Amino acid sequence: MSSDHANDFLEQTSQSRGYTLEMHRIMAVADIEWARKYNAFIEATYTGQRTLDRKTKELLQIVVEAALRADVEQIQAHVRVALQEGATPQEILESLQAVIAPMGALAFRRGLQAWAAETGFEIPEA
């Protein structure tokens, strides 16, 4: 696959999602056909406008990824997009707090770390 096609794909992915992950960079070169089909699925289920707006979908992504204990940097990407889509830091925090019981405190902690890093919250010294 040419680097021009890969770069075009990554630019489009970044514009539609608001971020790219290592997975996108690998698949842009390793299997661009699959990556394009995957992006079409993501457009239909996540980034495309349907009944739920993008802000709401990002809040869902944040709590689900926190519950699944995704990498903090991945959760941060969704916090960043949620903020860009009009979510307030308090709305994001309340979304995480609302699911502490079913997702567990360890997952909440990871989501909280991503929230603090992306919103600039100053963590008090111990």
N, C-alpha and C. Protein backbone atom coordinates (compact mmCIF):
# COMPACT_ATOMS: atom_id res chain seq x y z
N MET A 1 0.85 -1.18 0.00
CA MET A 1 0.00 0.00 0.00
C MET A 1 0.89 1.23 0.00
N SER A 2 0.54 2.19 -0.83
CA SER A 2 1.36 3.40 -0.90
C SER A 2 1.16 4.24 0.35
N SER A 3 2.20 4.96 0.69
CA SER A 3 2.11 5.80 1.89
C SER A 3 1.11 6.94 1.67
N ASP A 4 0.89 7.36 0.41
CA ASP A 4 -0.10 8.41 0.14
C ASP A 4 -1.51 7.93 0.50
N HIS A 5 -1.84 6.67 0.11
CA HIS A 5 -3.16 6.12 0.44
C HIS A 5 -3.31 5.96 1.95
N ALA A 6 -2.27 5.48 2.59
CA ALA A 6 -2.31 5.32 4.05
C ALA A 6 -2.47 6.67 4.73
N ASN A 7 -1.72 7.67 4.28
CA ASN A 7 -1.82 9.01 4.88
C ASN A 7 -3.20 9.62 4.66
N ASP A 8 -3.76 9.44 3.45
CA ASP A 8 -5.12 9.94 3.18
C ASP A 8 -6.13 9.26 4.11
N PHE A 9 -6.01 7.96 4.26
CA PHE A 9 -6.91 7.21 5.14
C PHE A 9 -6.80 7.72 6.58
N LEU A 10 -5.57 7.92 7.06
CA LEU A 10 -5.38 8.37 8.43
C LEU A 10 -5.91 9.79 8.63
N GLU A 11 -5.76 10.64 7.65
CA GLU A 11 -6.30 12.00 7.74
C GLU A 11 -7.82 11.97 7.82
N GLN A 12 -8.44 11.15 6.98
CA GLN A 12 -9.90 11.02 7.00
C GLN A 12 -10.37 10.45 8.33
N THR A 13 -9.64 9.47 8.84
CA THR A 13 -9.99 8.86 10.13
C THR A 13 -9.90 9.89 11.24
N SER A 14 -8.84 10.66 11.24
CA SER A 14 -8.66 11.69 12.26
C SER A 14 -9.76 12.74 12.19
N GLN A 15 -10.15 13.14 11.00
CA GLN A 15 -11.20 14.14 10.85
C GLN A 15 -12.55 13.62 11.32
N SER A 16 -12.87 12.38 11.00
CA SER A 16 -14.19 11.87 11.36
C SER A 16 -14.28 11.47 12.83
N ARG A 17 -13.19 10.98 13.39
CA ARG A 17 -13.21 10.51 14.78
C ARG A 17 -12.71 11.55 15.77
N GLY A 18 -11.79 12.38 15.31
CA GLY A 18 -11.16 13.32 16.21
C GLY A 18 -9.87 12.79 16.80
N TYR A 19 -9.44 11.63 16.38
CA TYR A 19 -8.21 11.00 16.87
C TYR A 19 -7.88 9.82 15.96
N THR A 20 -6.65 9.33 16.06
CA THR A 20 -6.28 8.04 15.47
C THR A 20 -5.53 7.27 16.54
N LEU A 21 -5.61 5.97 16.43
CA LEU A 21 -4.92 5.09 17.37
C LEU A 21 -3.85 4.30 16.62
N GLU A 22 -3.00 3.65 17.36
CA GLU A 22 -1.97 2.81 16.75
C GLU A 22 -2.58 1.79 15.80
N MET A 23 -3.73 1.24 16.18
CA MET A 23 -4.42 0.27 15.34
C MET A 23 -4.69 0.84 13.95
N HIS A 24 -5.13 2.10 13.89
CA HIS A 24 -5.43 2.72 12.60
C HIS A 24 -4.17 2.87 11.76
N ARG A 25 -3.08 3.25 12.40
CA ARG A 25 -1.82 3.43 11.67
C ARG A 25 -1.29 2.10 11.13
N ILE A 26 -1.42 1.05 11.91
CA ILE A 26 -0.97 -0.26 11.45
C ILE A 26 -1.84 -0.75 10.30
N MET A 27 -3.16 -0.69 10.47
CA MET A 27 -4.06 -1.24 9.47
C MET A 27 -4.07 -0.41 8.18
N ALA A 28 -3.74 0.87 8.26
CA ALA A 28 -3.67 1.70 7.05
C ALA A 28 -2.61 1.17 6.10
N VAL A 29 -1.60 0.54 6.66
CA VAL A 29 -0.52 -0.02 5.83
C VAL A 29 -0.72 -1.52 5.62
N ALA A 30 -1.11 -2.25 6.66
CA ALA A 30 -1.20 -3.70 6.60
C ALA A 30 -2.39 -4.21 5.79
N ASP A 31 -3.55 -3.52 5.91
CA ASP A 31 -4.76 -3.99 5.22
C ASP A 31 -5.75 -2.84 5.09
N ILE A 32 -5.47 -1.94 4.15
CA ILE A 32 -6.29 -0.74 3.97
C ILE A 32 -7.74 -1.08 3.61
N GLU A 33 -7.95 -2.16 2.87
CA GLU A 33 -9.32 -2.55 2.49
C GLU A 33 -10.15 -2.85 3.73
N TRP A 34 -9.59 -3.64 4.64
CA TRP A 34 -10.29 -3.95 5.89
C TRP A 34 -10.50 -2.68 6.70
N ALA A 35 -9.48 -1.84 6.78
CA ALA A 35 -9.58 -0.61 7.57
C ALA A 35 -10.69 0.30 7.05
N ARG A 36 -10.85 0.38 5.75
CA ARG A 36 -11.93 1.19 5.17
C ARG A 36 -13.29 0.61 5.52
N LYS A 37 -13.42 -0.72 5.47
CA LYS A 37 -14.69 -1.36 5.83
C LYS A 37 -14.99 -1.17 7.32
N TYR A 38 -13.95 -1.26 8.13
CA TYR A 38 -14.12 -1.02 9.57
C TYR A 38 -14.58 0.41 9.81
N ASN A 39 -13.98 1.37 9.10
CA ASN A 39 -14.39 2.77 9.25
C ASN A 39 -15.84 2.98 8.84
N ALA A 40 -16.31 2.26 7.82
CA ALA A 40 -17.71 2.36 7.42
C ALA A 40 -18.62 1.87 8.54
N PHE A 41 -18.22 0.79 9.20
CA PHE A 41 -18.98 0.29 10.36
C PHE A 41 -18.98 1.32 11.48
N ILE A 42 -17.83 1.93 11.76
CA ILE A 42 -17.73 2.94 12.81
C ILE A 42 -18.60 4.15 12.48
N GLU A 43 -18.62 4.54 11.21
CA GLU A 43 -19.47 5.66 10.77
C GLU A 43 -20.94 5.33 11.04
N ALA A 44 -21.35 4.10 10.76
CA ALA A 44 -22.75 3.71 10.95
C ALA A 44 -23.14 3.61 12.42
N THR A 45 -22.19 3.27 13.27
CA THR A 45 -22.53 3.01 14.68
C THR A 45 -22.05 4.04 15.67
N TYR A 46 -21.06 4.86 15.29
CA TYR A 46 -20.43 5.72 16.29
C TYR A 46 -20.29 7.17 15.84
N THR A 47 -19.62 7.42 14.75
CA THR A 47 -19.34 8.81 14.38
C THR A 47 -20.45 9.46 13.57
N GLY A 48 -21.27 8.66 12.90
CA GLY A 48 -22.35 9.22 12.08
C GLY A 48 -23.50 9.71 12.93
N GLN A 49 -24.16 10.76 12.45
CA GLN A 49 -25.31 11.32 13.17
C GLN A 49 -26.53 10.45 12.92
N ARG A 50 -27.10 9.98 14.00
CA ARG A 50 -28.37 9.25 13.95
C ARG A 50 -29.24 9.86 15.02
N THR A 51 -29.83 9.07 15.88
CA THR A 51 -30.68 9.62 16.94
C THR A 51 -29.85 10.25 18.05
N LEU A 52 -28.78 9.56 18.45
CA LEU A 52 -27.91 10.10 19.49
C LEU A 52 -26.89 11.05 18.89
N ASP A 53 -26.65 12.16 19.56
CA ASP A 53 -25.63 13.09 19.06
C ASP A 53 -24.24 12.60 19.47
N ARG A 54 -23.24 13.19 18.88
CA ARG A 54 -21.86 12.75 19.10
C ARG A 54 -21.43 12.93 20.55
N LYS A 55 -21.86 14.00 21.19
CA LYS A 55 -21.51 14.21 22.60
C LYS A 55 -21.99 13.03 23.45
N THR A 56 -23.22 12.62 23.25
CA THR A 56 -23.78 11.49 24.01
C THR A 56 -23.01 10.21 23.72
N LYS A 57 -22.69 9.99 22.45
CA LYS A 57 -21.93 8.79 22.09
C LYS A 57 -20.55 8.80 22.73
N GLU A 58 -19.93 9.97 22.82
CA GLU A 58 -18.61 10.04 23.47
C GLU A 58 -18.72 9.75 24.96
N LEU A 59 -19.76 10.25 25.61
CA LEU A 59 -19.95 9.93 27.03
C LEU A 59 -20.10 8.43 27.21
N LEU A 60 -20.83 7.79 26.32
CA LEU A 60 -20.97 6.32 26.38
C LEU A 60 -19.63 5.64 26.16
N GLN A 61 -18.87 6.11 25.17
CA GLN A 61 -17.55 5.52 24.90
C GLN A 61 -16.66 5.62 26.13
N ILE A 62 -16.67 6.76 26.78
CA ILE A 62 -15.82 6.99 27.94
C ILE A 62 -16.14 5.98 29.04
N VAL A 63 -17.41 5.83 29.38
CA VAL A 63 -17.74 4.94 30.49
C VAL A 63 -17.55 3.47 30.12
N VAL A 64 -17.85 3.11 28.88
CA VAL A 64 -17.64 1.71 28.47
C VAL A 64 -16.15 1.39 28.44
N GLU A 65 -15.35 2.28 27.87
CA GLU A 65 -13.91 2.00 27.83
C GLU A 65 -13.29 2.00 29.22
N ALA A 66 -13.78 2.87 30.10
CA ALA A 66 -13.30 2.83 31.48
C ALA A 66 -13.69 1.50 32.13
N ALA A 67 -14.93 1.06 31.90
CA ALA A 67 -15.39 -0.21 32.47
C ALA A 67 -14.58 -1.39 31.95
N LEU A 68 -14.16 -1.31 30.70
CA LEU A 68 -13.36 -2.39 30.11
C LEU A 68 -11.87 -2.24 30.41
N ARG A 69 -11.53 -1.20 31.15
CA ARG A 69 -10.15 -0.92 31.55
C ARG A 69 -9.24 -0.71 30.34
N ALA A 70 -9.73 0.08 29.39
CA ALA A 70 -8.92 0.44 28.23
C ALA A 70 -7.73 1.28 28.68
N ASP A 71 -6.76 1.43 27.81
CA ASP A 71 -5.61 2.28 28.13
C ASP A 71 -6.10 3.69 28.44
N VAL A 72 -5.46 4.32 29.41
CA VAL A 72 -5.83 5.68 29.80
C VAL A 72 -5.78 6.61 28.59
N GLU A 73 -4.76 6.45 27.74
CA GLU A 73 -4.62 7.32 26.57
C GLU A 73 -5.81 7.17 25.62
N GLN A 74 -6.35 5.98 25.50
CA GLN A 74 -7.51 5.76 24.64
C GLN A 74 -8.74 6.44 25.22
N ILE A 75 -8.92 6.33 26.53
CA ILE A 75 -10.05 7.00 27.18
C ILE A 75 -9.88 8.51 27.04
N GLN A 76 -8.65 8.99 27.20
CA GLN A 76 -8.38 10.43 27.04
C GLN A 76 -8.81 10.92 25.67
N ALA A 77 -8.58 10.14 24.64
CA ALA A 77 -8.98 10.55 23.29
C ALA A 77 -10.48 10.82 23.25
N HIS A 78 -11.26 9.98 23.92
CA HIS A 78 -12.71 10.17 23.93
C HIS A 78 -13.12 11.34 24.84
N VAL A 79 -12.39 11.55 25.93
CA VAL A 79 -12.66 12.72 26.77
C VAL A 79 -12.41 13.98 25.95
N ARG A 80 -11.32 14.01 25.20
CA ARG A 80 -10.98 15.16 24.37
C ARG A 80 -12.08 15.46 23.36
N VAL A 81 -12.55 14.41 22.66
CA VAL A 81 -13.60 14.61 21.66
C VAL A 81 -14.91 15.03 22.34
N ALA A 82 -15.23 14.43 23.49
CA ALA A 82 -16.44 14.82 24.21
C ALA A 82 -16.41 16.31 24.56
N LEU A 83 -15.26 16.78 25.02
CA LEU A 83 -15.12 18.21 25.33
C LEU A 83 -15.31 19.05 24.07
N GLN A 84 -14.73 18.60 22.96
CA GLN A 84 -14.89 19.32 21.69
C GLN A 84 -16.33 19.33 21.22
N GLU A 85 -17.07 18.29 21.56
CA GLU A 85 -18.47 18.17 21.15
C GLU A 85 -19.42 18.86 22.12
N GLY A 86 -18.88 19.56 23.11
CA GLY A 86 -19.71 20.36 24.00
C GLY A 86 -19.97 19.80 25.37
N ALA A 87 -19.43 18.64 25.68
CA ALA A 87 -19.59 18.10 27.04
C ALA A 87 -18.75 18.94 27.99
N THR A 88 -19.26 19.13 29.17
CA THR A 88 -18.48 19.84 30.19
C THR A 88 -17.67 18.82 30.98
N PRO A 89 -16.59 19.28 31.62
CA PRO A 89 -15.87 18.34 32.49
C PRO A 89 -16.77 17.70 33.54
N GLN A 90 -17.74 18.47 34.07
CA GLN A 90 -18.64 17.93 35.08
C GLN A 90 -19.54 16.85 34.50
N GLU A 91 -20.03 17.03 33.27
CA GLU A 91 -20.87 16.00 32.64
C GLU A 91 -20.09 14.70 32.45
N ILE A 92 -18.84 14.82 32.06
CA ILE A 92 -18.01 13.62 31.87
C ILE A 92 -17.78 12.93 33.20
N LEU A 93 -17.45 13.71 34.21
CA LEU A 93 -17.22 13.15 35.54
C LEU A 93 -18.49 12.48 36.07
N GLU A 94 -19.65 13.12 35.92
CA GLU A 94 -20.90 12.53 36.38
C GLU A 94 -21.23 11.25 35.61
N SER A 95 -20.88 11.19 34.34
CA SER A 95 -21.10 9.97 33.56
C SER A 95 -20.29 8.83 34.16
N LEU A 96 -19.04 9.10 34.49
CA LEU A 96 -18.19 8.08 35.12
C LEU A 96 -18.73 7.70 36.50
N GLN A 97 -19.16 8.68 37.27
CA GLN A 97 -19.67 8.41 38.61
C GLN A 97 -20.96 7.58 38.57
N ALA A 98 -21.78 7.80 37.54
CA ALA A 98 -23.06 7.11 37.45
C ALA A 98 -22.91 5.61 37.25
N VAL A 99 -21.76 5.18 36.80
CA VAL A 99 -21.58 3.75 36.53
C VAL A 99 -20.53 3.10 37.42
N ILE A 100 -20.18 3.74 38.53
CA ILE A 100 -19.20 3.14 39.45
C ILE A 100 -19.67 1.76 39.92
N ALA A 101 -20.92 1.67 40.35
CA ALA A 101 -21.38 0.39 40.91
C ALA A 101 -21.27 -0.75 39.91
N PRO A 102 -21.78 -0.62 38.68
CA PRO A 102 -21.67 -1.76 37.78
C PRO A 102 -20.27 -1.96 37.19
N MET A 103 -19.47 -0.91 37.08
CA MET A 103 -18.18 -1.10 36.42
C MET A 103 -17.04 -1.29 37.40
N GLY A 104 -17.25 -0.98 38.65
CA GLY A 104 -16.23 -1.19 39.66
C GLY A 104 -15.31 0.00 39.84
N ALA A 105 -14.78 0.11 41.05
CA ALA A 105 -13.95 1.25 41.39
C ALA A 105 -12.63 1.28 40.63
N LEU A 106 -12.07 0.13 40.29
CA LEU A 106 -10.81 0.11 39.54
C LEU A 106 -11.00 0.73 38.16
N ALA A 107 -12.09 0.38 37.50
CA ALA A 107 -12.37 0.95 36.19
C ALA A 107 -12.66 2.45 36.32
N PHE A 108 -13.40 2.84 37.36
CA PHE A 108 -13.67 4.26 37.59
C PHE A 108 -12.36 5.02 37.75
N ARG A 109 -11.43 4.44 38.49
CA ARG A 109 -10.13 5.09 38.72
C ARG A 109 -9.42 5.38 37.40
N ARG A 110 -9.43 4.43 36.49
CA ARG A 110 -8.78 4.62 35.19
C ARG A 110 -9.48 5.72 34.40
N GLY A 111 -10.80 5.71 34.40
CA GLY A 111 -11.55 6.77 33.73
C GLY A 111 -11.29 8.12 34.37
N LEU A 112 -11.19 8.15 35.68
CA LEU A 112 -10.92 9.39 36.40
C LEU A 112 -9.53 9.93 36.06
N GLN A 113 -8.56 9.05 35.92
CA GLN A 113 -7.21 9.48 35.52
C GLN A 113 -7.25 10.13 34.14
N ALA A 114 -7.97 9.53 33.21
CA ALA A 114 -8.09 10.09 31.86
C ALA A 114 -8.79 11.44 31.91
N TRP A 115 -9.85 11.54 32.69
CA TRP A 115 -10.60 12.79 32.83
C TRP A 115 -9.69 13.89 33.39
N ALA A 116 -8.96 13.58 34.45
CA ALA A 116 -8.08 14.58 35.08
C ALA A 116 -6.99 15.04 34.11
N ALA A 117 -6.41 14.11 33.39
CA ALA A 117 -5.34 14.46 32.45
C ALA A 117 -5.85 15.34 31.33
N GLU A 118 -7.03 15.06 30.82
CA GLU A 118 -7.55 15.78 29.65
C GLU A 118 -8.18 17.11 30.02
N THR A 119 -8.72 17.24 31.23
CA THR A 119 -9.37 18.50 31.63
C THR A 119 -8.41 19.44 32.35
N GLY A 120 -7.20 18.98 32.64
CA GLY A 120 -6.24 19.82 33.33
C GLY A 120 -6.46 19.91 34.83
N PHE A 121 -7.23 19.00 35.38
CA PHE A 121 -7.49 18.99 36.81
C PHE A 121 -6.18 18.80 37.57
N GLU A 122 -5.93 19.65 38.51
CA GLU A 122 -4.71 19.58 39.31
C GLU A 122 -4.90 18.58 40.45
N ILE A 123 -4.08 17.55 40.45
CA ILE A 123 -4.16 16.53 41.48
C ILE A 123 -3.38 17.02 42.70
N PRO A 124 -4.06 17.11 43.85
CA PRO A 124 -3.37 17.58 45.06
C PRO A 124 -2.25 16.64 45.47
N GLU A 125 -1.20 17.20 46.01
CA GLU A 125 -0.09 16.38 46.53
C GLU A 125 -0.56 15.59 47.73
N ALA A 126 0.00 14.41 47.90
CA ALA A 126 -0.38 13.54 49.02
C ALA A 126 0.17 14.07 50.33
